[in-house]
């Protein structure tokens, strides 16, 4: 709340919150059919759908007590003995997480990640470095266990 009881953000006017930071927004409303705004929708595959598929392939369905999508929070609950979880090794901190990692050999649990960029657009040095690092990482041994 601003002084005087006025909300700092009005959900119908996104400009309100930005004006206090000195930002200028050229438009306050965007119509979905506007030709100036490209949008594309893909059918997402959530972690839940992917993990349910792995369990189905193994012949069971998990009994869910709690669902989360933050790896650190999931690790904390597993460390506390609340249950088990699918976590790639990269999301586990051995200094904080007090649980054992078990490699699942059957069914094979893999996922496909995509990294995209436009060839005809400028890519900064940092973006190129990130792209190369990511490609090298996932091409290596650690990336194959993700």
C-alpha atoms as a PDB file:
ATOM      1  CA  UNK A   1       0.000   0.000   0.000  1.00  0.00           C
ATOM      2  CA  UNK A   2       1.125   3.504  -0.724  1.00  0.00           C
ATOM      3  CA  UNK A   3       0.726   6.178   1.929  1.00  0.00           C
ATOM      4  CA  UNK A   4      -2.906   7.186   2.145  1.00  0.00           C
ATOM      5  CA  UNK A   5      -4.135   3.600   1.652  1.00  0.00           C
ATOM      6  CA  UNK A   6      -3.828   3.567  -2.154  1.00  0.00           C
ATOM      7  CA  UNK A   7      -2.712   0.214  -3.572  1.00  0.00           C
ATOM      8  CA  UNK A   8       0.700   0.287  -5.272  1.00  0.00           C
ATOM      9  CA  UNK A   9      -0.643  -1.962  -8.015  1.00  0.00           C
ATOM     10  CA  UNK A  10      -4.044  -1.990  -9.618  1.00  0.00           C
ATOM     11  CA  UNK A  11      -4.628  -5.186 -11.606  1.00  0.00           C
ATOM     12  CA  UNK A  12      -6.544  -3.253 -14.225  1.00  0.00           C
ATOM     13  CA  UNK A  13      -3.790  -0.695 -14.731  1.00  0.00           C
ATOM     14  CA  UNK A  14      -0.291  -2.196 -14.924  1.00  0.00           C
ATOM     15  CA  UNK A  15       1.029   1.283 -15.610  1.00  0.00           C
ATOM     16  CA  UNK A  16       0.272   2.329 -12.009  1.00  0.00           C
ATOM     17  CA  UNK A  17       3.019   0.209 -10.456  1.00  0.00           C
ATOM     18  CA  UNK A  18       5.579   1.074 -13.144  1.00  0.00           C
ATOM     19  CA  UNK A  19       5.113   4.837 -12.977  1.00  0.00           C
ATOM     20  CA  UNK A  20       6.505   4.864  -9.431  1.00  0.00           C
ATOM     21  CA  UNK A  21       9.748   3.361 -10.816  1.00  0.00           C
ATOM     22  CA  UNK A  22       9.985   5.888 -13.635  1.00  0.00           C
ATOM     23  CA  UNK A  23       9.162   3.286 -16.299  1.00  0.00           C
ATOM     24  CA  UNK A  24       7.001   4.158 -19.255  1.00  0.00           C
ATOM     25  CA  UNK A  25       4.638   1.670 -20.825  1.00  0.00           C
ATOM     26  CA  UNK A  26       3.424   2.634 -24.283  1.00  0.00           C
ATOM     27  CA  UNK A  27       0.224   0.588 -23.950  1.00  0.00           C
ATOM     28  CA  UNK A  28      -1.859  -0.539 -21.000  1.00  0.00           C
ATOM     29  CA  UNK A  29      -4.006  -3.046 -22.904  1.00  0.00           C
ATOM     30  CA  UNK A  30      -2.955  -5.596 -25.510  1.00  0.00           C
ATOM     31  CA  UNK A  31      -5.563  -7.396 -27.579  1.00  0.00           C
ATOM     32  CA  UNK A  32      -4.748 -11.017 -28.298  1.00  0.00           C
ATOM     33  CA  UNK A  33      -5.582 -10.568 -31.952  1.00  0.00           C
ATOM     34  CA  UNK A  34      -3.150  -7.662 -32.285  1.00  0.00           C
ATOM     35  CA  UNK A  35      -0.815  -8.250 -35.221  1.00  0.00           C
ATOM     36  CA  UNK A  36       2.050  -6.599 -33.379  1.00  0.00           C
ATOM     37  CA  UNK A  37       2.247  -9.325 -30.733  1.00  0.00           C
ATOM     38  CA  UNK A  38       3.270 -12.803 -31.802  1.00  0.00           C
ATOM     39  CA  UNK A  39       2.276 -15.698 -29.614  1.00  0.00           C
ATOM     40  CA  UNK A  40       2.560 -19.408 -29.941  1.00  0.00           C
ATOM     41  CA  UNK A  41       1.303 -22.152 -27.735  1.00  0.00           C
ATOM     42  CA  UNK A  42       2.800 -25.595 -27.376  1.00  0.00           C
ATOM     43  CA  UNK A  43       1.279 -28.487 -25.505  1.00  0.00           C
ATOM     44  CA  UNK A  44       3.498 -28.595 -22.423  1.00  0.00           C
ATOM     45  CA  UNK A  45       4.602 -31.837 -20.870  1.00  0.00           C
ATOM     46  CA  UNK A  46       4.658 -31.225 -17.160  1.00  0.00           C
ATOM     47  CA  UNK A  47       6.985 -33.016 -14.781  1.00  0.00           C
ATOM     48  CA  UNK A  48       3.897 -34.658 -13.281  1.00  0.00           C
ATOM     49  CA  UNK A  49       2.775 -36.077 -16.644  1.00  0.00           C
ATOM     50  CA  UNK A  50       6.289 -37.274 -17.404  1.00  0.00           C
ATOM     51  CA  UNK A  51       6.698 -38.951 -14.000  1.00  0.00           C
ATOM     52  CA  UNK A  52       3.230 -40.512 -14.166  1.00  0.00           C
ATOM     53  CA  UNK A  53       4.269 -41.992 -17.519  1.00  0.00           C
ATOM     54  CA  UNK A  54       7.433 -43.489 -15.991  1.00  0.00           C
ATOM     55  CA  UNK A  55       5.399 -45.004 -13.139  1.00  0.00           C
ATOM     56  CA  UNK A  56       2.732 -46.340 -15.512  1.00  0.00           C
ATOM     57  CA  UNK A  57       5.473 -47.950 -17.605  1.00  0.00           C
ATOM     58  CA  UNK A  58       6.832 -49.573 -14.431  1.00  0.00           C
ATOM     59  CA  UNK A  59       3.353 -50.924 -13.626  1.00  0.00           C
ATOM     60  CA  UNK A  60       2.141 -48.725 -10.766  1.00  0.00           C
ATOM     61  CA  UNK A  61       0.702 -45.312 -10.007  1.00  0.00           C
ATOM     62  CA  UNK A  62       2.188 -43.309  -7.138  1.00  0.00           C
ATOM     63  CA  UNK A  63       0.142 -42.356  -4.082  1.00  0.00           C
ATOM     64  CA  UNK A  64       0.615 -38.601  -3.973  1.00  0.00           C
ATOM     65  CA  UNK A  65       0.701 -36.752  -0.688  1.00  0.00           C
ATOM     66  CA  UNK A  66       2.136 -33.467  -1.897  1.00  0.00           C
ATOM     67  CA  UNK A  67       3.082 -31.965  -5.266  1.00  0.00           C
ATOM     68  CA  UNK A  68       5.788 -29.346  -5.690  1.00  0.00           C
ATOM     69  CA  UNK A  69       7.895 -28.072  -8.548  1.00  0.00           C
ATOM     70  CA  UNK A  70      10.816 -26.487  -6.659  1.00  0.00           C
ATOM     71  CA  UNK A  71      13.731 -28.978  -6.469  1.00  0.00           C
ATOM     72  CA  UNK A  72      15.123 -27.564  -3.192  1.00  0.00           C
ATOM     73  CA  UNK A  73      11.738 -27.865  -1.465  1.00  0.00           C
ATOM     74  CA  UNK A  74      11.261 -31.388  -2.831  1.00  0.00           C
ATOM     75  CA  UNK A  75      14.723 -32.352  -1.549  1.00  0.00           C
ATOM     76  CA  UNK A  76      13.874 -30.946   1.898  1.00  0.00           C
ATOM     77  CA  UNK A  77      10.718 -33.048   2.148  1.00  0.00           C
ATOM     78  CA  UNK A  78      12.503 -36.207   1.008  1.00  0.00           C
ATOM     79  CA  UNK A  79      15.296 -35.462   3.531  1.00  0.00           C
ATOM     80  CA  UNK A  80      12.616 -35.177   6.223  1.00  0.00           C
ATOM     81  CA  UNK A  81      11.349 -38.648   5.318  1.00  0.00           C
ATOM     82  CA  UNK A  82       8.064 -37.518   3.784  1.00  0.00           C
ATOM     83  CA  UNK A  83       8.481 -39.707   0.716  1.00  0.00           C
ATOM     84  CA  UNK A  84      10.375 -40.245  -2.499  1.00  0.00           C
ATOM     85  CA  UNK A  85      10.746 -38.082  -5.581  1.00  0.00           C
ATOM     86  CA  UNK A  86      12.117 -37.953  -9.093  1.00  0.00           C
ATOM     87  CA  UNK A  87      15.096 -35.578  -9.021  1.00  0.00           C
ATOM     88  CA  UNK A  88      17.986 -35.355 -11.457  1.00  0.00           C
ATOM     89  CA  UNK A  89      21.419 -35.385  -9.760  1.00  0.00           C
ATOM     90  CA  UNK A  90      21.974 -31.762 -10.787  1.00  0.00           C
ATOM     91  CA  UNK A  91      19.135 -30.713  -8.466  1.00  0.00           C
ATOM     92  CA  UNK A  92      20.573 -32.380  -5.383  1.00  0.00           C
ATOM     93  CA  UNK A  93      22.911 -30.645  -2.933  1.00  0.00           C
ATOM     94  CA  UNK A  94      24.809 -33.326  -0.966  1.00  0.00           C
ATOM     95  CA  UNK A  95      25.674 -30.721   1.706  1.00  0.00           C
ATOM     96  CA  UNK A  96      21.992 -30.036   2.409  1.00  0.00           C
ATOM     97  CA  UNK A  97      20.015 -33.050   1.281  1.00  0.00           C
ATOM     98  CA  UNK A  98      20.158 -36.037   3.604  1.00  0.00           C
ATOM     99  CA  UNK A  99      18.990 -38.789   1.276  1.00  0.00           C
ATOM    100  CA  UNK A 100      20.443 -41.282  -1.152  1.00  0.00           C
ATOM    101  CA  UNK A 101      20.108 -40.980  -4.904  1.00  0.00           C
ATOM    102  CA  UNK A 102      19.082 -44.162  -6.650  1.00  0.00           C
ATOM    103  CA  UNK A 103      19.555 -44.499 -10.384  1.00  0.00           C
ATOM    104  CA  UNK A 104      16.473 -45.830 -12.138  1.00  0.00           C
ATOM    105  CA  UNK A 105      17.515 -48.386 -14.734  1.00  0.00           C
ATOM    106  CA  UNK A 106      14.073 -49.596 -15.800  1.00  0.00           C
ATOM    107  CA  UNK A 107      12.098 -48.030 -17.280  1.00  0.00           C
ATOM    108  CA  UNK A 108      14.569 -45.652 -18.878  1.00  0.00           C
ATOM    109  CA  UNK A 109      13.625 -42.214 -17.558  1.00  0.00           C
ATOM    110  CA  UNK A 110      14.675 -39.530 -20.008  1.00  0.00           C
ATOM    111  CA  UNK A 111      13.372 -36.211 -21.207  1.00  0.00           C
ATOM    112  CA  UNK A 112      14.097 -33.967 -24.140  1.00  0.00           C
ATOM    113  CA  UNK A 113      15.084 -30.348 -23.647  1.00  0.00           C
ATOM    114  CA  UNK A 114      15.119 -27.785 -26.434  1.00  0.00           C
ATOM    115  CA  UNK A 115      17.332 -24.741 -26.842  1.00  0.00           C
ATOM    116  CA  UNK A 116      16.368 -22.376 -29.639  1.00  0.00           C
ATOM    117  CA  UNK A 117      17.788 -19.212 -31.129  1.00  0.00           C
ATOM    118  CA  UNK A 118      17.287 -17.278 -34.330  1.00  0.00           C
ATOM    119  CA  UNK A 119      20.139 -17.561 -36.835  1.00  0.00           C
ATOM    120  CA  UNK A 120      19.317 -14.251 -38.468  1.00  0.00           C
ATOM    121  CA  UNK A 121      19.414 -12.260 -35.203  1.00  0.00           C
ATOM    122  CA  UNK A 122      22.286 -10.865 -33.161  1.00  0.00           C
ATOM    123  CA  UNK A 123      23.362 -13.103 -30.297  1.00  0.00           C
ATOM    124  CA  UNK A 124      25.444 -11.420 -27.607  1.00  0.00           C
ATOM    125  CA  UNK A 125      28.759 -12.880 -26.475  1.00  0.00           C
ATOM    126  CA  UNK A 126      27.140 -13.954 -23.186  1.00  0.00           C
ATOM    127  CA  UNK A 127      24.248 -15.634 -25.023  1.00  0.00           C
ATOM    128  CA  UNK A 128      26.666 -17.471 -27.340  1.00  0.00           C
ATOM    129  CA  UNK A 129      28.718 -18.612 -24.328  1.00  0.00           C
ATOM    130  CA  UNK A 130      25.544 -19.843 -22.599  1.00  0.00           C
ATOM    131  CA  UNK A 131      24.460 -21.693 -25.741  1.00  0.00           C
ATOM    132  CA  UNK A 132      27.848 -23.407 -26.141  1.00  0.00           C
ATOM    133  CA  UNK A 133      28.073 -24.272 -22.432  1.00  0.00           C
ATOM    134  CA  UNK A 134      24.567 -25.750 -22.454  1.00  0.00           C
ATOM    135  CA  UNK A 135      25.195 -27.809 -25.591  1.00  0.00           C
ATOM    136  CA  UNK A 136      28.543 -29.090 -24.241  1.00  0.00           C
ATOM    137  CA  UNK A 137      27.058 -29.870 -20.818  1.00  0.00           C
ATOM    138  CA  UNK A 138      24.139 -31.893 -22.116  1.00  0.00           C
ATOM    139  CA  UNK A 139      26.331 -33.666 -24.674  1.00  0.00           C
ATOM    140  CA  UNK A 140      28.582 -34.851 -21.812  1.00  0.00           C
ATOM    141  CA  UNK A 141      28.120 -37.573 -19.200  1.00  0.00           C
ATOM    142  CA  UNK A 142      26.436 -35.330 -16.609  1.00  0.00           C
ATOM    143  CA  UNK A 143      23.884 -34.137 -19.144  1.00  0.00           C
ATOM    144  CA  UNK A 144      22.942 -37.659 -20.110  1.00  0.00           C
ATOM    145  CA  UNK A 145      21.839 -38.278 -16.504  1.00  0.00           C
ATOM    146  CA  UNK A 146      19.545 -35.274 -16.457  1.00  0.00           C
END
